[in-house]
Amino acid sequence: MSPKELLYIEDALGHTKQIKTVCTDFAGQLGDTELSNFLQSIAQKQQQTFDRIYNLL
């Protein structure tokens, strides 16, 4: 794997981690249970995506 390809993967991992963090934070601040649950499901999917990419390495 070239250094440039590794940088792309690191960026993708960073973005998925950031999206998960933002969704989790907002879900904890919301009073609407349905919307909070929706954001938590997005956070879980982002974690799954992160894990899949990381495990490919």
N, C-alpha and C. Protein backbone atom coordinates (compact mmCIF):
# COMPACT_ATOMS: atom_id res chain seq x y z
N MET A 1 0.85 -1.17 0.00
CA MET A 1 0.00 0.00 0.00
C MET A 1 0.90 1.24 0.00
N SER A 2 0.58 2.16 -0.86
CA SER A 2 1.40 3.36 -0.97
C SER A 2 1.09 4.32 0.18
N PRO A 3 2.00 5.23 0.45
CA PRO A 3 1.75 6.23 1.51
C PRO A 3 0.50 7.07 1.23
N LYS A 4 0.25 7.36 -0.04
CA LYS A 4 -0.93 8.16 -0.39
C LYS A 4 -2.21 7.38 -0.10
N GLU A 5 -2.22 6.09 -0.42
CA GLU A 5 -3.39 5.26 -0.13
C GLU A 5 -3.62 5.15 1.38
N LEU A 6 -2.55 5.05 2.13
CA LEU A 6 -2.66 4.98 3.59
C LEU A 6 -3.25 6.27 4.15
N LEU A 7 -2.88 7.40 3.58
CA LEU A 7 -3.45 8.68 4.01
C LEU A 7 -4.95 8.75 3.74
N TYR A 8 -5.38 8.22 2.59
CA TYR A 8 -6.81 8.18 2.28
C TYR A 8 -7.56 7.34 3.31
N ILE A 9 -6.99 6.21 3.67
CA ILE A 9 -7.63 5.33 4.66
C ILE A 9 -7.68 6.01 6.02
N GLU A 10 -6.60 6.67 6.40
CA GLU A 10 -6.58 7.39 7.68
C GLU A 10 -7.63 8.49 7.69
N ASP A 11 -7.79 9.18 6.59
CA ASP A 11 -8.83 10.22 6.49
C ASP A 11 -10.22 9.62 6.64
N ALA A 12 -10.46 8.51 5.96
CA ALA A 12 -11.77 7.85 6.03
C ALA A 12 -12.07 7.41 7.47
N LEU A 13 -11.07 6.84 8.13
CA LEU A 13 -11.26 6.43 9.52
C LEU A 13 -11.54 7.63 10.42
N GLY A 14 -10.82 8.70 10.20
CA GLY A 14 -11.03 9.91 10.98
C GLY A 14 -12.42 10.50 10.79
N HIS A 15 -12.88 10.49 9.56
CA HIS A 15 -14.22 11.03 9.27
C HIS A 15 -15.31 10.18 9.90
N THR A 16 -15.19 8.87 9.80
CA THR A 16 -16.22 8.01 10.39
C THR A 16 -16.23 8.16 11.92
N LYS A 17 -15.05 8.29 12.50
CA LYS A 17 -14.97 8.47 13.96
C LYS A 17 -15.59 9.81 14.37
N GLN A 18 -15.34 10.84 13.59
CA GLN A 18 -15.89 12.16 13.90
C GLN A 18 -17.41 12.17 13.78
N ILE A 19 -17.94 11.54 12.75
CA ILE A 19 -19.40 11.48 12.58
C ILE A 19 -20.03 10.73 13.75
N LYS A 20 -19.41 9.62 14.15
CA LYS A 20 -19.92 8.86 15.29
C LYS A 20 -19.95 9.72 16.55
N THR A 21 -18.88 10.44 16.80
CA THR A 21 -18.79 11.29 17.99
C THR A 21 -19.85 12.38 17.98
N VAL A 22 -20.03 13.04 16.85
CA VAL A 22 -21.02 14.12 16.73
C VAL A 22 -22.43 13.57 16.94
N CYS A 23 -22.74 12.46 16.32
CA CYS A 23 -24.08 11.87 16.47
C CYS A 23 -24.34 11.45 17.91
N THR A 24 -23.35 10.85 18.55
CA THR A 24 -23.50 10.44 19.94
C THR A 24 -23.69 11.64 20.86
N ASP A 25 -22.92 12.68 20.63
CA ASP A 25 -23.04 13.90 21.45
C ASP A 25 -24.42 14.54 21.29
N PHE A 26 -24.87 14.70 20.05
CA PHE A 26 -26.17 15.31 19.82
C PHE A 26 -27.30 14.44 20.36
N ALA A 27 -27.17 13.13 20.21
CA ALA A 27 -28.21 12.23 20.72
C ALA A 27 -28.38 12.38 22.23
N GLY A 28 -27.28 12.62 22.93
CA GLY A 28 -27.35 12.80 24.37
C GLY A 28 -27.95 14.13 24.79
N GLN A 29 -27.97 15.10 23.89
CA GLN A 29 -28.48 16.42 24.21
C GLN A 29 -29.95 16.61 23.84
N LEU A 30 -30.48 15.71 23.05
CA LEU A 30 -31.84 15.88 22.55
C LEU A 30 -32.88 15.37 23.54
N GLY A 31 -34.00 16.05 23.59
CA GLY A 31 -35.11 15.61 24.40
C GLY A 31 -36.05 14.69 23.65
N ASP A 32 -35.99 14.73 22.33
CA ASP A 32 -36.85 13.89 21.49
C ASP A 32 -36.24 12.49 21.41
N THR A 33 -36.93 11.53 22.01
CA THR A 33 -36.42 10.16 22.08
C THR A 33 -36.26 9.53 20.70
N GLU A 34 -37.22 9.77 19.82
CA GLU A 34 -37.16 9.18 18.49
C GLU A 34 -35.95 9.69 17.71
N LEU A 35 -35.73 10.98 17.77
CA LEU A 35 -34.58 11.57 17.07
C LEU A 35 -33.28 11.13 17.71
N SER A 36 -33.26 11.05 19.03
CA SER A 36 -32.07 10.59 19.74
C SER A 36 -31.72 9.16 19.35
N ASN A 37 -32.73 8.30 19.28
CA ASN A 37 -32.51 6.91 18.86
C ASN A 37 -32.00 6.83 17.43
N PHE A 38 -32.54 7.69 16.57
CA PHE A 38 -32.09 7.73 15.18
C PHE A 38 -30.60 8.09 15.10
N LEU A 39 -30.20 9.10 15.86
CA LEU A 39 -28.79 9.49 15.86
C LEU A 39 -27.90 8.40 16.45
N GLN A 40 -28.40 7.72 17.45
CA GLN A 40 -27.63 6.60 18.03
C GLN A 40 -27.45 5.48 17.00
N SER A 41 -28.47 5.24 16.18
CA SER A 41 -28.33 4.20 15.15
C SER A 41 -27.31 4.62 14.09
N ILE A 42 -27.27 5.89 13.76
CA ILE A 42 -26.25 6.37 12.82
C ILE A 42 -24.86 6.21 13.44
N ALA A 43 -24.74 6.52 14.72
CA ALA A 43 -23.46 6.37 15.41
C ALA A 43 -23.00 4.91 15.39
N GLN A 44 -23.92 3.99 15.61
CA GLN A 44 -23.58 2.57 15.58
C GLN A 44 -23.12 2.14 14.18
N LYS A 45 -23.80 2.63 13.17
CA LYS A 45 -23.42 2.28 11.79
C LYS A 45 -22.04 2.85 11.46
N GLN A 46 -21.75 4.03 11.96
CA GLN A 46 -20.43 4.61 11.72
C GLN A 46 -19.35 3.79 12.42
N GLN A 47 -19.65 3.30 13.62
CA GLN A 47 -18.70 2.44 14.33
C GLN A 47 -18.46 1.15 13.56
N GLN A 48 -19.54 0.59 13.01
CA GLN A 48 -19.41 -0.63 12.21
C GLN A 48 -18.55 -0.37 10.97
N THR A 49 -18.76 0.77 10.34
CA THR A 49 -17.97 1.13 9.16
C THR A 49 -16.50 1.28 9.54
N PHE A 50 -16.25 1.97 10.64
CA PHE A 50 -14.88 2.14 11.13
C PHE A 50 -14.23 0.78 11.36
N ASP A 51 -14.94 -0.10 12.06
CA ASP A 51 -14.41 -1.43 12.36
C ASP A 51 -14.11 -2.23 11.10
N ARG A 52 -14.99 -2.15 10.12
CA ARG A 52 -14.77 -2.89 8.87
C ARG A 52 -13.54 -2.38 8.14
N ILE A 53 -13.40 -1.08 8.04
CA ILE A 53 -12.23 -0.52 7.35
C ILE A 53 -10.96 -0.90 8.10
N TYR A 54 -10.99 -0.74 9.41
CA TYR A 54 -9.81 -1.01 10.24
C TYR A 54 -9.41 -2.48 10.14
N ASN A 55 -10.40 -3.37 10.14
CA ASN A 55 -10.10 -4.80 10.08
C ASN A 55 -9.56 -5.22 8.72
N LEU A 56 -9.80 -4.45 7.68
CA LEU A 56 -9.25 -4.76 6.37
C LEU A 56 -7.74 -4.54 6.33
N LEU A 57 -7.28 -3.71 7.23
CA LEU A 57 -5.85 -3.42 7.26
C LEU A 57 -5.17 -4.55 7.97
